[in-house]
């Protein structure tokens, strides 16, 4: 994945870190809109999106966040991958503790 992220980083080299961070928010909003459309939560529009639409938008969130990580590391894909791996290990380490309120498992926050 990180080789492809490097390609996207290079292709969009003119995009500032500030704008890249805002793009993450934009993509999250698109994922939320797709989910709302999939479950028909907007009565005026009804069901108008699919599970595949939601998965595509969530993929865009992950890709956009990875490109932002690449920018923050100055294009050092190993450092970006290491940061993600480290955070994932941290989040997974919390699974050994008791579940959160209502039996929920810990999230990445």
PDB file of N, CA and C in Angstrom:
ATOM      1  N   UNK A   1       0.827  -1.195   0.000  1.00  0.00           N
ATOM      2  CA  UNK A   1       0.000   0.000   0.000  1.00  0.00           C
ATOM      3  C   UNK A   1       0.868   1.255   0.000  1.00  0.00           C
ATOM      4  N   UNK A   2       1.966   1.225   0.756  1.00  0.00           N
ATOM      5  CA  UNK A   2       2.740   2.461   0.903  1.00  0.00           C
ATOM      6  C   UNK A   2       3.452   2.872  -0.381  1.00  0.00           C
ATOM      7  N   UNK A   3       3.758   1.933  -1.270  1.00  0.00           N
ATOM      8  CA  UNK A   3       4.330   2.314  -2.572  1.00  0.00           C
ATOM      9  C   UNK A   3       3.317   3.119  -3.378  1.00  0.00           C
ATOM     10  N   UNK A   4       2.053   2.691  -3.317  1.00  0.00           N
ATOM     11  CA  UNK A   4       0.995   3.411  -4.029  1.00  0.00           C
ATOM     12  C   UNK A   4       0.752   4.777  -3.399  1.00  0.00           C
ATOM     13  N   UNK A   5       0.845   4.846  -2.072  1.00  0.00           N
ATOM     14  CA  UNK A   5       0.685   6.136  -1.380  1.00  0.00           C
ATOM     15  C   UNK A   5       1.805   7.079  -1.810  1.00  0.00           C
ATOM     16  N   UNK A   6       3.014   6.564  -1.970  1.00  0.00           N
ATOM     17  CA  UNK A   6       4.134   7.385  -2.443  1.00  0.00           C
ATOM     18  C   UNK A   6       3.834   7.961  -3.829  1.00  0.00           C
ATOM     19  N   UNK A   7       3.217   7.145  -4.691  1.00  0.00           N
ATOM     20  CA  UNK A   7       2.834   7.637  -6.024  1.00  0.00           C
ATOM     21  C   UNK A   7       1.826   8.770  -5.918  1.00  0.00           C
ATOM     22  N   UNK A   8       0.825   8.597  -5.056  1.00  0.00           N
ATOM     23  CA  UNK A   8      -0.184   9.650  -4.881  1.00  0.00           C
ATOM     24  C   UNK A   8       0.432  10.905  -4.282  1.00  0.00           C
ATOM     25  N   UNK A   9       1.333  10.735  -3.329  1.00  0.00           N
ATOM     26  CA  UNK A   9       2.036  11.868  -2.721  1.00  0.00           C
ATOM     27  C   UNK A   9       2.776  12.647  -3.803  1.00  0.00           C
ATOM     28  N   UNK A  10       3.512  11.945  -4.640  1.00  0.00           N
ATOM     29  CA  UNK A  10       4.266  12.593  -5.704  1.00  0.00           C
ATOM     30  C   UNK A  10       3.342  13.275  -6.712  1.00  0.00           C
ATOM     31  N   UNK A  11       2.265  12.613  -7.073  1.00  0.00           N
ATOM     32  CA  UNK A  11       1.334  13.167  -8.055  1.00  0.00           C
ATOM     33  C   UNK A  11       0.671  14.442  -7.556  1.00  0.00           C
ATOM     34  N   UNK A  12       0.352  14.469  -6.267  1.00  0.00           N
ATOM     35  CA  UNK A  12      -0.326  15.630  -5.684  1.00  0.00           C
ATOM     36  C   UNK A  12       0.646  16.455  -4.847  1.00  0.00           C
ATOM     37  N   UNK A  13       1.900  16.539  -5.289  1.00  0.00           N
ATOM     38  CA  UNK A  13       2.946  17.227  -4.551  1.00  0.00           C
ATOM     39  C   UNK A  13       2.666  18.689  -4.260  1.00  0.00           C
ATOM     40  N   UNK A  14       1.816  19.319  -5.045  1.00  0.00           N
ATOM     41  CA  UNK A  14       1.503  20.733  -4.859  1.00  0.00           C
ATOM     42  C   UNK A  14       0.511  20.974  -3.718  1.00  0.00           C
ATOM     43  N   UNK A  15      -0.104  19.921  -3.205  1.00  0.00           N
ATOM     44  CA  UNK A  15      -1.115  20.058  -2.145  1.00  0.00           C
ATOM     45  C   UNK A  15      -0.405  20.204  -0.802  1.00  0.00           C
ATOM     46  N   UNK A  16      -0.760  21.247  -0.065  1.00  0.00           N
ATOM     47  CA  UNK A  16      -0.128  21.492   1.225  1.00  0.00           C
ATOM     48  C   UNK A  16      -0.631  20.504   2.278  1.00  0.00           C
ATOM     49  N   UNK A  17       0.122  20.362   3.361  1.00  0.00           N
ATOM     50  CA  UNK A  17      -0.312  19.511   4.467  1.00  0.00           C
ATOM     51  C   UNK A  17      -1.637  20.019   5.017  1.00  0.00           C
ATOM     52  N   UNK A  18      -1.784  21.339   5.113  1.00  0.00           N
ATOM     53  CA  UNK A  18      -3.035  21.918   5.621  1.00  0.00           C
ATOM     54  C   UNK A  18      -4.227  21.465   4.792  1.00  0.00           C
ATOM     55  N   UNK A  19      -4.101  21.569   3.485  1.00  0.00           N
ATOM     56  CA  UNK A  19      -5.200  21.161   2.609  1.00  0.00           C
ATOM     57  C   UNK A  19      -5.416  19.653   2.673  1.00  0.00           C
ATOM     58  N   UNK A  20      -4.335  18.890   2.771  1.00  0.00           N
ATOM     59  CA  UNK A  20      -4.465  17.440   2.862  1.00  0.00           C
ATOM     60  C   UNK A  20      -5.246  17.055   4.115  1.00  0.00           C
ATOM     61  N   UNK A  21      -5.019  17.749   5.224  1.00  0.00           N
ATOM     62  CA  UNK A  21      -5.748  17.477   6.462  1.00  0.00           C
ATOM     63  C   UNK A  21      -7.234  17.801   6.279  1.00  0.00           C
ATOM     64  N   UNK A  22      -7.527  18.886   5.590  1.00  0.00           N
ATOM     65  CA  UNK A  22      -8.928  19.230   5.324  1.00  0.00           C
ATOM     66  C   UNK A  22      -9.587  18.210   4.404  1.00  0.00           C
ATOM     67  N   UNK A  23      -8.815  17.652   3.475  1.00  0.00           N
ATOM     68  CA  UNK A  23      -9.363  16.634   2.572  1.00  0.00           C
ATOM     69  C   UNK A  23      -9.829  15.402   3.341  1.00  0.00           C
ATOM     70  N   UNK A  24      -9.152  15.071   4.452  1.00  0.00           N
ATOM     71  CA  UNK A  24      -9.597  13.933   5.263  1.00  0.00           C
ATOM     72  C   UNK A  24     -11.017  14.193   5.755  1.00  0.00           C
ATOM     73  N   UNK A  25     -11.261  15.396   6.262  1.00  0.00           N
ATOM     74  CA  UNK A  25     -12.589  15.755   6.748  1.00  0.00           C
ATOM     75  C   UNK A  25     -13.619  15.680   5.629  1.00  0.00           C
ATOM     76  N   UNK A  26     -13.253  16.155   4.455  1.00  0.00           N
ATOM     77  CA  UNK A  26     -14.154  16.087   3.309  1.00  0.00           C
ATOM     78  C   UNK A  26     -14.524  14.642   2.996  1.00  0.00           C
ATOM     79  N   UNK A  27     -13.536  13.771   2.995  1.00  0.00           N
ATOM     80  CA  UNK A  27     -13.793  12.363   2.682  1.00  0.00           C
ATOM     81  C   UNK A  27     -14.649  11.694   3.759  1.00  0.00           C
ATOM     82  N   UNK A  28     -14.435  12.039   5.023  1.00  0.00           N
ATOM     83  CA  UNK A  28     -15.270  11.502   6.100  1.00  0.00           C
ATOM     84  C   UNK A  28     -16.722  11.933   5.886  1.00  0.00           C
ATOM     85  N   UNK A  29     -16.923  13.173   5.499  1.00  0.00           N
ATOM     86  CA  UNK A  29     -18.272  13.656   5.221  1.00  0.00           C
ATOM     87  C   UNK A  29     -18.923  12.895   4.075  1.00  0.00           C
ATOM     88  N   UNK A  30     -18.150  12.593   3.051  1.00  0.00           N
ATOM     89  CA  UNK A  30     -18.687  11.825   1.924  1.00  0.00           C
ATOM     90  C   UNK A  30     -19.050  10.407   2.358  1.00  0.00           C
ATOM     91  N   UNK A  31     -18.247   9.819   3.241  1.00  0.00           N
ATOM     92  CA  UNK A  31     -18.561   8.482   3.760  1.00  0.00           C
ATOM     93  C   UNK A  31     -19.850   8.529   4.577  1.00  0.00           C
ATOM     94  N   UNK A  32     -20.004   9.565   5.389  1.00  0.00           N
ATOM     95  CA  UNK A  32     -21.222   9.700   6.189  1.00  0.00           C
ATOM     96  C   UNK A  32     -22.441   9.885   5.288  1.00  0.00           C
ATOM     97  N   UNK A  33     -22.301  10.691   4.259  1.00  0.00           N
ATOM     98  CA  UNK A  33     -23.413  10.908   3.317  1.00  0.00           C
ATOM     99  C   UNK A  33     -23.794   9.610   2.630  1.00  0.00           C
ATOM    100  N   UNK A  34     -22.796   8.836   2.246  1.00  0.00           N
ATOM    101  CA  UNK A  34     -23.083   7.559   1.582  1.00  0.00           C
ATOM    102  C   UNK A  34     -23.805   6.611   2.536  1.00  0.00           C
ATOM    103  N   UNK A  35     -23.389   6.593   3.793  1.00  0.00           N
ATOM    104  CA  UNK A  35     -24.037   5.713   4.766  1.00  0.00           C
ATOM    105  C   UNK A  35     -25.479   6.150   5.003  1.00  0.00           C
ATOM    106  N   UNK A  36     -25.690   7.444   5.140  1.00  0.00           N
ATOM    107  CA  UNK A  36     -27.048   7.966   5.307  1.00  0.00           C
ATOM    108  C   UNK A  36     -27.908   7.561   4.105  1.00  0.00           C
ATOM    109  N   UNK A  37     -27.335   7.653   2.914  1.00  0.00           N
ATOM    110  CA  UNK A  37     -28.059   7.245   1.708  1.00  0.00           C
ATOM    111  C   UNK A  37     -28.303   5.748   1.637  1.00  0.00           C
ATOM    112  N   UNK A  38     -27.388   4.969   2.198  1.00  0.00           N
ATOM    113  CA  UNK A  38     -27.553   3.517   2.176  1.00  0.00           C
ATOM    114  C   UNK A  38     -28.667   3.062   3.111  1.00  0.00           C
ATOM    115  N   UNK A  39     -28.771   3.714   4.275  1.00  0.00           N
ATOM    116  CA  UNK A  39     -29.799   3.300   5.241  1.00  0.00           C
ATOM    117  C   UNK A  39     -31.105   4.068   5.074  1.00  0.00           C
ATOM    118  N   UNK A  40     -31.131   5.029   4.158  1.00  0.00           N
ATOM    119  CA  UNK A  40     -32.353   5.778   3.900  1.00  0.00           C
ATOM    120  C   UNK A  40     -32.733   6.733   5.013  1.00  0.00           C
ATOM    121  N   UNK A  41     -31.744   7.257   5.733  1.00  0.00           N
ATOM    122  CA  UNK A  41     -32.018   8.133   6.875  1.00  0.00           C
ATOM    123  C   UNK A  41     -32.572   9.497   6.462  1.00  0.00           C
ATOM    124  N   UNK A  42     -32.348   9.905   5.234  1.00  0.00           N
ATOM    125  CA  UNK A  42     -32.925  11.154   4.734  1.00  0.00           C
ATOM    126  C   UNK A  42     -34.229  10.785   4.023  1.00  0.00           C
ATOM    127  N   UNK A  43     -35.357  11.057   4.688  1.00  0.00           N
ATOM    128  CA  UNK A  43     -36.653  10.640   4.143  1.00  0.00           C
ATOM    129  C   UNK A  43     -36.942  11.249   2.775  1.00  0.00           C
ATOM    130  N   UNK A  44     -36.423  12.438   2.525  1.00  0.00           N
ATOM    131  CA  UNK A  44     -36.656  13.085   1.240  1.00  0.00           C
ATOM    132  C   UNK A  44     -35.969  12.313   0.101  1.00  0.00           C
ATOM    133  N   UNK A  45     -34.777  11.754   0.369  1.00  0.00           N
ATOM    134  CA  UNK A  45     -34.039  11.043  -0.669  1.00  0.00           C
ATOM    135  C   UNK A  45     -34.252   9.540  -0.627  1.00  0.00           C
ATOM    136  N   UNK A  46     -34.581   9.002   0.551  1.00  0.00           N
ATOM    137  CA  UNK A  46     -34.748   7.560   0.678  1.00  0.00           C
ATOM    138  C   UNK A  46     -33.423   6.834   0.499  1.00  0.00           C
ATOM    139  N   UNK A  47     -33.510   5.551   0.220  1.00  0.00           N
ATOM    140  CA  UNK A  47     -32.307   4.757  -0.009  1.00  0.00           C
ATOM    141  C   UNK A  47     -31.810   5.058  -1.421  1.00  0.00           C
ATOM    142  N   UNK A  48     -30.610   5.613  -1.517  1.00  0.00           N
ATOM    143  CA  UNK A  48     -30.077   5.964  -2.834  1.00  0.00           C
ATOM    144  C   UNK A  48     -28.590   5.669  -2.969  1.00  0.00           C
ATOM    145  N   UNK A  49     -28.007   5.032  -1.965  1.00  0.00           N
ATOM    146  CA  UNK A  49     -26.602   4.628  -2.037  1.00  0.00           C
ATOM    147  C   UNK A  49     -26.503   3.155  -1.652  1.00  0.00           C
ATOM    148  N   UNK A  50     -25.403   2.547  -1.998  1.00  0.00           N
ATOM    149  CA  UNK A  50     -25.218   1.117  -1.760  1.00  0.00           C
ATOM    150  C   UNK A  50     -24.077   0.872  -0.769  1.00  0.00           C
ATOM    151  N   UNK A  51     -24.012  -0.364  -0.317  1.00  0.00           N
ATOM    152  CA  UNK A  51     -22.901  -0.774   0.550  1.00  0.00           C
ATOM    153  C   UNK A  51     -21.568  -0.535  -0.161  1.00  0.00           C
ATOM    154  N   UNK A  52     -21.513  -0.803  -1.444  1.00  0.00           N
ATOM    155  CA  UNK A  52     -20.295  -0.590  -2.216  1.00  0.00           C
ATOM    156  C   UNK A  52     -19.907   0.886  -2.238  1.00  0.00           C
ATOM    157  N   UNK A  53     -20.914   1.784  -2.302  1.00  0.00           N
ATOM    158  CA  UNK A  53     -20.640   3.223  -2.235  1.00  0.00           C
ATOM    159  C   UNK A  53     -19.981   3.582  -0.908  1.00  0.00           C
ATOM    160  N   UNK A  54     -20.512   3.029   0.185  1.00  0.00           N
ATOM    161  CA  UNK A  54     -19.966   3.323   1.512  1.00  0.00           C
ATOM    162  C   UNK A  54     -18.537   2.785   1.617  1.00  0.00           C
ATOM    163  N   UNK A  55     -18.318   1.565   1.142  1.00  0.00           N
ATOM    164  CA  UNK A  55     -16.975   0.987   1.193  1.00  0.00           C
ATOM    165  C   UNK A  55     -15.984   1.810   0.361  1.00  0.00           C
ATOM    166  N   UNK A  56     -16.420   2.295  -0.777  1.00  0.00           N
ATOM    167  CA  UNK A  56     -15.552   3.132  -1.611  1.00  0.00           C
ATOM    168  C   UNK A  56     -15.194   4.425  -0.890  1.00  0.00           C
ATOM    169  N   UNK A  57     -16.182   5.042  -0.251  1.00  0.00           N
ATOM    170  CA  UNK A  57     -15.925   6.297   0.467  1.00  0.00           C
ATOM    171  C   UNK A  57     -15.022   6.067   1.672  1.00  0.00           C
ATOM    172  N   UNK A  58     -15.220   4.957   2.389  1.00  0.00           N
ATOM    173  CA  UNK A  58     -14.338   4.644   3.519  1.00  0.00           C
ATOM    174  C   UNK A  58     -12.915   4.375   3.025  1.00  0.00           C
ATOM    175  N   UNK A  59     -12.794   3.756   1.873  1.00  0.00           N
ATOM    176  CA  UNK A  59     -11.468   3.548   1.284  1.00  0.00           C
ATOM    177  C   UNK A  59     -10.808   4.883   0.979  1.00  0.00           C
ATOM    178  N   UNK A  60     -11.582   5.831   0.466  1.00  0.00           N
ATOM    179  CA  UNK A  60     -11.041   7.166   0.197  1.00  0.00           C
ATOM    180  C   UNK A  60     -10.546   7.831   1.478  1.00  0.00           C
ATOM    181  N   UNK A  61     -11.251   7.617   2.599  1.00  0.00           N
ATOM    182  CA  UNK A  61     -10.811   8.167   3.889  1.00  0.00           C
ATOM    183  C   UNK A  61      -9.436   7.603   4.241  1.00  0.00           C
ATOM    184  N   UNK A  62      -9.294   6.287   4.133  1.00  0.00           N
ATOM    185  CA  UNK A  62      -8.029   5.635   4.487  1.00  0.00           C
ATOM    186  C   UNK A  62      -6.902   6.115   3.574  1.00  0.00           C
ATOM    187  N   UNK A  63      -7.155   6.186   2.278  1.00  0.00           N
ATOM    188  CA  UNK A  63      -6.139   6.617   1.320  1.00  0.00           C
ATOM    189  C   UNK A  63      -5.728   8.060   1.598  1.00  0.00           C
ATOM    190  N   UNK A  64      -6.706   8.920   1.805  1.00  0.00           N
ATOM    191  CA  UNK A  64      -6.423  10.336   2.039  1.00  0.00           C
ATOM    192  C   UNK A  64      -5.641  10.529   3.333  1.00  0.00           C
ATOM    193  N   UNK A  65      -5.993   9.777   4.359  1.00  0.00           N
ATOM    194  CA  UNK A  65      -5.256   9.853   5.621  1.00  0.00           C
ATOM    195  C   UNK A  65      -3.822   9.353   5.432  1.00  0.00           C
ATOM    196  N   UNK A  66      -3.648   8.298   4.659  1.00  0.00           N
ATOM    197  CA  UNK A  66      -2.299   7.770   4.424  1.00  0.00           C
ATOM    198  C   UNK A  66      -1.442   8.772   3.649  1.00  0.00           C
ATOM    199  N   UNK A  67      -2.039   9.463   2.686  1.00  0.00           N
ATOM    200  CA  UNK A  67      -1.288  10.488   1.954  1.00  0.00           C
ATOM    201  C   UNK A  67      -0.914  11.631   2.904  1.00  0.00           C
ATOM    202  N   UNK A  68      -1.802  11.998   3.814  1.00  0.00           N
ATOM    203  CA  UNK A  68      -1.476  13.030   4.802  1.00  0.00           C
ATOM    204  C   UNK A  68      -0.322  12.565   5.689  1.00  0.00           C
ATOM    205  N   UNK A  69      -0.320  11.302   6.074  1.00  0.00           N
ATOM    206  CA  UNK A  69       0.787  10.759   6.870  1.00  0.00           C
ATOM    207  C   UNK A  69       2.088  10.841   6.075  1.00  0.00           C
ATOM    208  N   UNK A  70       2.013  10.545   4.797  1.00  0.00           N
ATOM    209  CA  UNK A  70       3.184  10.635   3.931  1.00  0.00           C
ATOM    210  C   UNK A  70       3.706  12.063   3.879  1.00  0.00           C
ATOM    211  N   UNK A  71       2.799  13.018   3.774  1.00  0.00           N
ATOM    212  CA  UNK A  71       3.202  14.421   3.743  1.00  0.00           C
ATOM    213  C   UNK A  71       3.879  14.821   5.056  1.00  0.00           C
ATOM    214  N   UNK A  72       3.298  14.398   6.175  1.00  0.00           N
ATOM    215  CA  UNK A  72       3.836  14.770   7.485  1.00  0.00           C
ATOM    216  C   UNK A  72       5.205  14.162   7.740  1.00  0.00           C
ATOM    217  N   UNK A  73       5.505  13.050   7.083  1.00  0.00           N
ATOM    218  CA  UNK A  73       6.813  12.414   7.244  1.00  0.00           C
ATOM    219  C   UNK A  73       7.776  12.821   6.131  1.00  0.00           C
ATOM    220  N   UNK A  74       7.381  13.798   5.333  1.00  0.00           N
ATOM    221  CA  UNK A  74       8.249  14.249   4.253  1.00  0.00           C
ATOM    222  C   UNK A  74       8.446  13.213   3.163  1.00  0.00           C
ATOM    223  N   UNK A  75       7.457  12.346   2.993  1.00  0.00           N
ATOM    224  CA  UNK A  75       7.532  11.312   1.969  1.00  0.00           C
ATOM    225  C   UNK A  75       8.252  10.053   2.433  1.00  0.00           C
ATOM    226  N   UNK A  76       8.566   9.978   3.707  1.00  0.00           N
ATOM    227  CA  UNK A  76       9.228   8.790   4.259  1.00  0.00           C
ATOM    228  C   UNK A  76       8.161   7.735   4.533  1.00  0.00           C
ATOM    229  N   UNK A  77       7.958   6.856   3.552  1.00  0.00           N
ATOM    230  CA  UNK A  77       6.899   5.854   3.663  1.00  0.00           C
ATOM    231  C   UNK A  77       7.140   4.891   4.825  1.00  0.00           C
ATOM    232  N   UNK A  78       8.393   4.590   5.111  1.00  0.00           N
ATOM    233  CA  UNK A  78       8.696   3.694   6.232  1.00  0.00           C
ATOM    234  C   UNK A  78       8.272   4.342   7.555  1.00  0.00           C
ATOM    235  N   UNK A  79       8.487   5.641   7.676  1.00  0.00           N
ATOM    236  CA  UNK A  79       8.080   6.335   8.901  1.00  0.00           C
ATOM    237  C   UNK A  79       6.556   6.395   9.007  1.00  0.00           C
ATOM    238  N   UNK A  80       5.882   6.644   7.895  1.00  0.00           N
ATOM    239  CA  UNK A  80       4.416   6.679   7.902  1.00  0.00           C
ATOM    240  C   UNK A  80       3.857   5.305   8.249  1.00  0.00           C
ATOM    241  N   UNK A  81       4.403   4.273   7.620  1.00  0.00           N
ATOM    242  CA  UNK A  81       3.949   2.910   7.906  1.00  0.00           C
ATOM    243  C   UNK A  81       4.251   2.540   9.355  1.00  0.00           C
ATOM    244  N   UNK A  82       5.403   2.945   9.847  1.00  0.00           N
ATOM    245  CA  UNK A  82       5.757   2.675  11.237  1.00  0.00           C
ATOM    246  C   UNK A  82       4.812   3.350  12.212  1.00  0.00           C
ATOM    247  N   UNK A  83       4.422   4.587  11.900  1.00  0.00           N
ATOM    248  CA  UNK A  83       3.478   5.296  12.762  1.00  0.00           C
ATOM    249  C   UNK A  83       2.131   4.580  12.796  1.00  0.00           C
ATOM    250  N   UNK A  84       1.674   4.123  11.635  1.00  0.00           N
ATOM    251  CA  UNK A  84       0.400   3.399  11.579  1.00  0.00           C
ATOM    252  C   UNK A  84       0.510   2.071  12.334  1.00  0.00           C
ATOM    253  N   UNK A  85       1.572   1.343  12.099  1.00  0.00           N
ATOM    254  CA  UNK A  85       1.760   0.060  12.785  1.00  0.00           C
ATOM    255  C   UNK A  85       1.821   0.245  14.298  1.00  0.00           C
ATOM    256  N   UNK A  86       2.526   1.283  14.737  1.00  0.00           N
ATOM    257  CA  UNK A  86       2.651   1.558  16.161  1.00  0.00           C
ATOM    258  C   UNK A  86       1.296   1.890  16.780  1.00  0.00           C
ATOM    259  N   UNK A  87       0.536   2.711  16.081  1.00  0.00           N
ATOM    260  CA  UNK A  87      -0.788   3.087  16.609  1.00  0.00           C
ATOM    261  C   UNK A  87      -1.729   1.895  16.622  1.00  0.00           C
ATOM    262  N   UNK A  88      -1.684   1.084  15.590  1.00  0.00           N
ATOM    263  CA  UNK A  88      -2.522  -0.111  15.534  1.00  0.00           C
ATOM    264  C   UNK A  88      -2.170  -1.049  16.687  1.00  0.00           C
ATOM    265  N   UNK A  89      -0.888  -1.229  16.949  1.00  0.00           N
ATOM    266  CA  UNK A  89      -0.464  -2.073  18.070  1.00  0.00           C
ATOM    267  C   UNK A  89      -0.974  -1.503  19.393  1.00  0.00           C
ATOM    268  N   UNK A  90      -0.919  -0.180  19.537  1.00  0.00           N
ATOM    269  CA  UNK A  90      -1.413   0.459  20.760  1.00  0.00           C
ATOM    270  C   UNK A  90      -2.914   0.215  20.941  1.00  0.00           C
ATOM    271  N   UNK A  91      -3.671   0.422  19.890  1.00  0.00           N
ATOM    272  CA  UNK A  91      -5.126   0.216  19.967  1.00  0.00           C
ATOM    273  C   UNK A  91      -5.432  -1.251  20.265  1.00  0.00           C
ATOM    274  N   UNK A  92      -4.735  -2.159  19.608  1.00  0.00           N
ATOM    275  CA  UNK A  92      -4.960  -3.578  19.859  1.00  0.00           C
ATOM    276  C   UNK A  92      -4.575  -3.975  21.279  1.00  0.00           C
ATOM    277  N   UNK A  93      -3.570  -3.328  21.846  1.00  0.00           N
ATOM    278  CA  UNK A  93      -3.156  -3.668  23.208  1.00  0.00           C
ATOM    279  C   UNK A  93      -4.250  -3.365  24.224  1.00  0.00           C
ATOM    280  N   UNK A  94      -5.116  -2.447  23.900  1.00  0.00           N
ATOM    281  CA  UNK A  94      -6.203  -2.093  24.823  1.00  0.00           C
ATOM    282  C   UNK A  94      -7.330  -3.110  24.794  1.00  0.00           C
ATOM    283  N   UNK A  95      -7.308  -4.039  23.849  1.00  0.00           N
ATOM    284  CA  UNK A  95      -8.355  -5.054  23.787  1.00  0.00           C
ATOM    285  C   UNK A  95      -8.270  -6.022  24.958  1.00  0.00           C
ATOM    286  N   UNK A  96      -7.117  -6.105  25.606  1.00  0.00           N
ATOM    287  CA  UNK A  96      -6.949  -7.007  26.732  1.00  0.00           C
ATOM    288  C   UNK A  96      -7.702  -6.534  27.973  1.00  0.00           C
ATOM    289  N   UNK A  97      -8.023  -5.253  28.032  1.00  0.00           N
ATOM    290  CA  UNK A  97      -8.725  -4.704  29.188  1.00  0.00           C
ATOM    291  C   UNK A  97     -10.215  -4.951  29.093  1.00  0.00           C
ATOM    292  N   UNK A  98     -10.955  -4.474  30.089  1.00  0.00           N
ATOM    293  CA  UNK A  98     -12.415  -4.646  30.062  1.00  0.00           C
ATOM    294  C   UNK A  98     -13.031  -3.841  28.930  1.00  0.00           C
ATOM    295  N   UNK A  99     -14.155  -4.310  28.398  1.00  0.00           N
ATOM    296  CA  UNK A  99     -14.824  -3.548  27.342  1.00  0.00           C
ATOM    297  C   UNK A  99     -15.297  -2.203  27.876  1.00  0.00           C
ATOM    298  N   UNK A 100     -15.473  -1.289  26.961  1.00  0.00           N
ATOM    299  CA  UNK A 100     -15.962   0.038  27.333  1.00  0.00           C
ATOM    300  C   UNK A 100     -17.424  -0.002  27.732  1.00  0.00           C
ATOM    301  N   UNK A 101     -18.016   1.168  27.972  1.00  0.00           N
ATOM    302  CA  UNK A 101     -19.428   1.232  28.369  1.00  0.00           C
ATOM    303  C   UNK A 101     -20.322   0.502  27.391  1.00  0.00           C
ATOM    304  N   UNK A 102     -21.272  -0.237  27.916  1.00  0.00           N
ATOM    305  CA  UNK A 102     -22.214  -0.961  27.062  1.00  0.00           C
ATOM    306  C   UNK A 102     -21.581  -2.122  26.343  1.00  0.00           C
ATOM    307  N   UNK A 103     -20.391  -2.561  26.774  1.00  0.00           N
ATOM    308  CA  UNK A 103     -19.727  -3.696  26.143  1.00  0.00           C
ATOM    309  C   UNK A 103     -18.979  -3.328  24.882  1.00  0.00           C
ATOM    310  N   UNK A 104     -18.869  -2.029  24.600  1.00  0.00           N
ATOM    311  CA  UNK A 104     -18.190  -1.599  23.382  1.00  0.00           C
ATOM    312  C   UNK A 104     -16.683  -1.826  23.517  1.00  0.00           C
ATOM    313  N   UNK A 105     -16.046  -2.159  22.422  1.00  0.00           N
ATOM    314  CA  UNK A 105     -14.599  -2.321  22.428  1.00  0.00           C
ATOM    315  C   UNK A 105     -13.956  -0.963  22.206  1.00  0.00           C
ATOM    316  N   UNK A 106     -12.713  -0.782  22.635  1.00  0.00           N
ATOM    317  CA  UNK A 106     -12.025   0.504  22.465  1.00  0.00           C
ATOM    318  C   UNK A 106     -11.909   0.878  20.993  1.00  0.00           C
ATOM    319  N   UNK A 107     -11.922   2.176  20.731  1.00  0.00           N
ATOM    320  CA  UNK A 107     -11.734   2.677  19.368  1.00  0.00           C
ATOM    321  C   UNK A 107     -10.368   3.322  19.265  1.00  0.00           C
ATOM    322  N   UNK A 108     -10.037   3.779  18.075  1.00  0.00           N
ATOM    323  CA  UNK A 108      -8.719   4.352  17.828  1.00  0.00           C
ATOM    324  C   UNK A 108      -8.547   5.733  18.443  1.00  0.00           C
ATOM    325  N   UNK A 109      -9.549   6.300  19.021  1.00  0.00           N
ATOM    326  CA  UNK A 109      -9.391   7.648  19.570  1.00  0.00           C
ATOM    327  C   UNK A 109      -8.615   7.672  20.839  1.00  0.00           C
TER     328      UNK A 109
END
